[in-house]
Amino acid sequence: MSSELYTVIRRPLITEKGMGVKETEGTLVFEVACGATKTEVKQAVELLFKVKVQAVRTANFVGKERRRGRFTGYRSDWKKAYVRLRAGEKMPEYINSL
């Protein structure tokens, strides 16, 4: 069961923007699987971190072309999820330890 959750949620995105959103809006930011739906992300976060989710927003990012000398390639496509927790919910420990 937990292996399925980790295929939906790949990793937390710990950036300046993510920290600002966490402090002001009570929102967590994750990199998620490209095929994951908002409902799957919500269920995975609730089961993994034992919190209640109010809303989920997602954004798709298309991989860019990158060059190394004469060789070209593309970065992978990826998806970001903004997960807003309900009022009064405690933030997960991985973010508080920074």
C-alpha atoms as a PDB file:
ATOM      1  CA  MET A   1       0.000   0.000   0.000  1.00  0.00           C
ATOM      2  CA  SER A   2       2.712   2.520   0.942  1.00  0.00           C
ATOM      3  CA  SER A   3       4.688   1.737  -2.216  1.00  0.00           C
ATOM      4  CA  GLU A   4       1.657   2.886  -4.241  1.00  0.00           C
ATOM      5  CA  LEU A   5       1.580   6.141  -2.259  1.00  0.00           C
ATOM      6  CA  TYR A   6       5.220   6.832  -3.054  1.00  0.00           C
ATOM      7  CA  THR A   7       4.559   6.311  -6.769  1.00  0.00           C
ATOM      8  CA  VAL A   8       1.979   9.125  -6.587  1.00  0.00           C
ATOM      9  CA  ILE A   9       4.094  11.472  -4.437  1.00  0.00           C
ATOM     10  CA  ARG A  10       7.697  11.490  -5.630  1.00  0.00           C
ATOM     11  CA  ARG A  11       9.285  14.016  -3.261  1.00  0.00           C
ATOM     12  CA  PRO A  12       8.613  17.277  -1.430  1.00  0.00           C
ATOM     13  CA  LEU A  13       9.832  20.415  -3.195  1.00  0.00           C
ATOM     14  CA  ILE A  14      11.718  22.489  -0.650  1.00  0.00           C
ATOM     15  CA  THR A  15      12.304  25.867  -2.283  1.00  0.00           C
ATOM     16  CA  GLU A  16      12.008  29.510  -1.258  1.00  0.00           C
ATOM     17  CA  LYS A  17       8.621  29.776  -2.900  1.00  0.00           C
ATOM     18  CA  GLY A  18       7.473  26.524  -1.285  1.00  0.00           C
ATOM     19  CA  MET A  19       8.548  27.701   2.169  1.00  0.00           C
ATOM     20  CA  GLY A  20       6.751  31.032   1.682  1.00  0.00           C
ATOM     21  CA  VAL A  21       3.524  29.306   0.649  1.00  0.00           C
ATOM     22  CA  LYS A  22       3.842  26.925   3.603  1.00  0.00           C
ATOM     23  CA  GLU A  23       4.150  29.741   6.126  1.00  0.00           C
ATOM     24  CA  THR A  24       1.517  32.090   4.717  1.00  0.00           C
ATOM     25  CA  GLU A  25      -1.109  29.696   3.333  1.00  0.00           C
ATOM     26  CA  GLY A  26      -0.508  26.361   5.113  1.00  0.00           C
ATOM     27  CA  THR A  27       0.256  24.685   1.780  1.00  0.00           C
ATOM     28  CA  LEU A  28       2.723  21.874   1.017  1.00  0.00           C
ATOM     29  CA  VAL A  29       4.436  21.473  -2.368  1.00  0.00           C
ATOM     30  CA  PHE A  30       5.264  18.076  -3.903  1.00  0.00           C
ATOM     31  CA  GLU A  31       6.565  16.640  -7.137  1.00  0.00           C
ATOM     32  CA  VAL A  32       3.999  14.025  -8.156  1.00  0.00           C
ATOM     33  CA  ALA A  33       3.610  11.458 -10.913  1.00  0.00           C
ATOM     34  CA  CYS A  34       2.542  12.940 -14.258  1.00  0.00           C
ATOM     35  CA  GLY A  35      -0.542  10.720 -14.395  1.00  0.00           C
ATOM     36  CA  ALA A  36      -1.647  11.384 -10.807  1.00  0.00           C
ATOM     37  CA  THR A  37      -5.045  12.996 -10.288  1.00  0.00           C
ATOM     38  CA  LYS A  38      -5.941  15.528  -7.597  1.00  0.00           C
ATOM     39  CA  THR A  39      -7.957  12.879  -5.746  1.00  0.00           C
ATOM     40  CA  GLU A  40      -5.008  10.447  -5.711  1.00  0.00           C
ATOM     41  CA  VAL A  41      -2.666  13.170  -4.433  1.00  0.00           C
ATOM     42  CA  LYS A  42      -5.140  14.100  -1.681  1.00  0.00           C
ATOM     43  CA  GLN A  43      -5.536  10.488  -0.523  1.00  0.00           C
ATOM     44  CA  ALA A  44      -1.770   9.874  -0.587  1.00  0.00           C
ATOM     45  CA  VAL A  45      -0.977  12.974   1.504  1.00  0.00           C
ATOM     46  CA  GLU A  46      -3.723  12.161   4.030  1.00  0.00           C
ATOM     47  CA  LEU A  47      -2.484   8.583   4.462  1.00  0.00           C
ATOM     48  CA  LEU A  48       1.252   9.360   4.526  1.00  0.00           C
ATOM     49  CA  PHE A  49       1.211  12.382   6.842  1.00  0.00           C
ATOM     50  CA  LYS A  50      -2.010  11.724   8.842  1.00  0.00           C
ATOM     51  CA  VAL A  51      -3.460  15.184   8.068  1.00  0.00           C
ATOM     52  CA  LYS A  52      -6.687  16.453   6.488  1.00  0.00           C
ATOM     53  CA  VAL A  53      -6.429  18.133   3.075  1.00  0.00           C
ATOM     54  CA  GLN A  54      -8.647  21.047   2.094  1.00  0.00           C
ATOM     55  CA  ALA A  55      -7.659  21.486  -1.577  1.00  0.00           C
ATOM     56  CA  VAL A  56      -5.151  20.341  -4.207  1.00  0.00           C
ATOM     57  CA  ARG A  57      -3.874  22.381  -7.173  1.00  0.00           C
ATOM     58  CA  THR A  58      -1.636  20.891  -9.837  1.00  0.00           C
ATOM     59  CA  ALA A  59       0.643  22.282 -12.539  1.00  0.00           C
ATOM     60  CA  ASN A  60       2.230  20.419 -15.461  1.00  0.00           C
ATOM     61  CA  PHE A  61       5.730  21.336 -16.666  1.00  0.00           C
ATOM     62  CA  VAL A  62       6.994  20.375 -20.109  1.00  0.00           C
ATOM     63  CA  GLY A  63      10.633  19.304 -20.320  1.00  0.00           C
ATOM     64  CA  LYS A  64      12.970  21.798 -21.973  1.00  0.00           C
ATOM     65  CA  GLU A  65      15.610  21.131 -24.596  1.00  0.00           C
ATOM     66  CA  ARG A  66      19.124  21.175 -23.111  1.00  0.00           C
ATOM     67  CA  ARG A  67      22.473  21.109 -24.907  1.00  0.00           C
ATOM     68  CA  ARG A  68      25.970  19.959 -23.997  1.00  0.00           C
ATOM     69  CA  GLY A  69      28.178  21.128 -26.844  1.00  0.00           C
ATOM     70  CA  ARG A  70      26.816  19.566 -30.004  1.00  0.00           C
ATOM     71  CA  PHE A  71      24.641  17.021 -28.189  1.00  0.00           C
ATOM     72  CA  THR A  72      21.012  17.874 -27.493  1.00  0.00           C
ATOM     73  CA  GLY A  73      18.428  16.248 -25.278  1.00  0.00           C
ATOM     74  CA  TYR A  74      15.256  16.955 -23.372  1.00  0.00           C
ATOM     75  CA  ARG A  75      14.570  17.118 -19.670  1.00  0.00           C
ATOM     76  CA  SER A  76      11.689  15.000 -18.438  1.00  0.00           C
ATOM     77  CA  ASP A  77       8.154  16.333 -18.128  1.00  0.00           C
ATOM     78  CA  TRP A  78       7.000  16.644 -14.512  1.00  0.00           C
ATOM     79  CA  LYS A  79       4.042  17.678 -12.374  1.00  0.00           C
ATOM     80  CA  LYS A  80       3.833  19.808  -9.230  1.00  0.00           C
ATOM     81  CA  ALA A  81       1.048  19.689  -6.633  1.00  0.00           C
ATOM     82  CA  TYR A  82       0.147  22.397  -4.115  1.00  0.00           C
ATOM     83  CA  VAL A  83      -1.663  20.729  -1.200  1.00  0.00           C
ATOM     84  CA  ARG A  84      -3.514  23.062   1.190  1.00  0.00           C
ATOM     85  CA  LEU A  85      -4.178  21.623   4.641  1.00  0.00           C
ATOM     86  CA  ARG A  86      -7.314  22.326   6.640  1.00  0.00           C
ATOM     87  CA  ALA A  87      -7.184  25.019   9.307  1.00  0.00           C
ATOM     88  CA  GLY A  88      -5.661  23.776  12.552  1.00  0.00           C
ATOM     89  CA  GLU A  89      -3.703  20.901  10.974  1.00  0.00           C
ATOM     90  CA  LYS A  90      -0.081  20.506  12.025  1.00  0.00           C
ATOM     91  CA  MET A  91       2.588  20.671   9.311  1.00  0.00           C
ATOM     92  CA  PRO A  92       4.523  17.414   8.696  1.00  0.00           C
ATOM     93  CA  GLU A  93       7.903  17.140  10.444  1.00  0.00           C
ATOM     94  CA  TYR A  94      10.085  17.045   7.311  1.00  0.00           C
ATOM     95  CA  ILE A  95       9.332  20.727   6.683  1.00  0.00           C
ATOM     96  CA  ASN A  96       9.612  21.868  10.307  1.00  0.00           C
ATOM     97  CA  SER A  97      13.139  20.464  10.585  1.00  0.00           C
ATOM     98  CA  LEU A  98      14.668  22.963   8.128  1.00  0.00           C
END
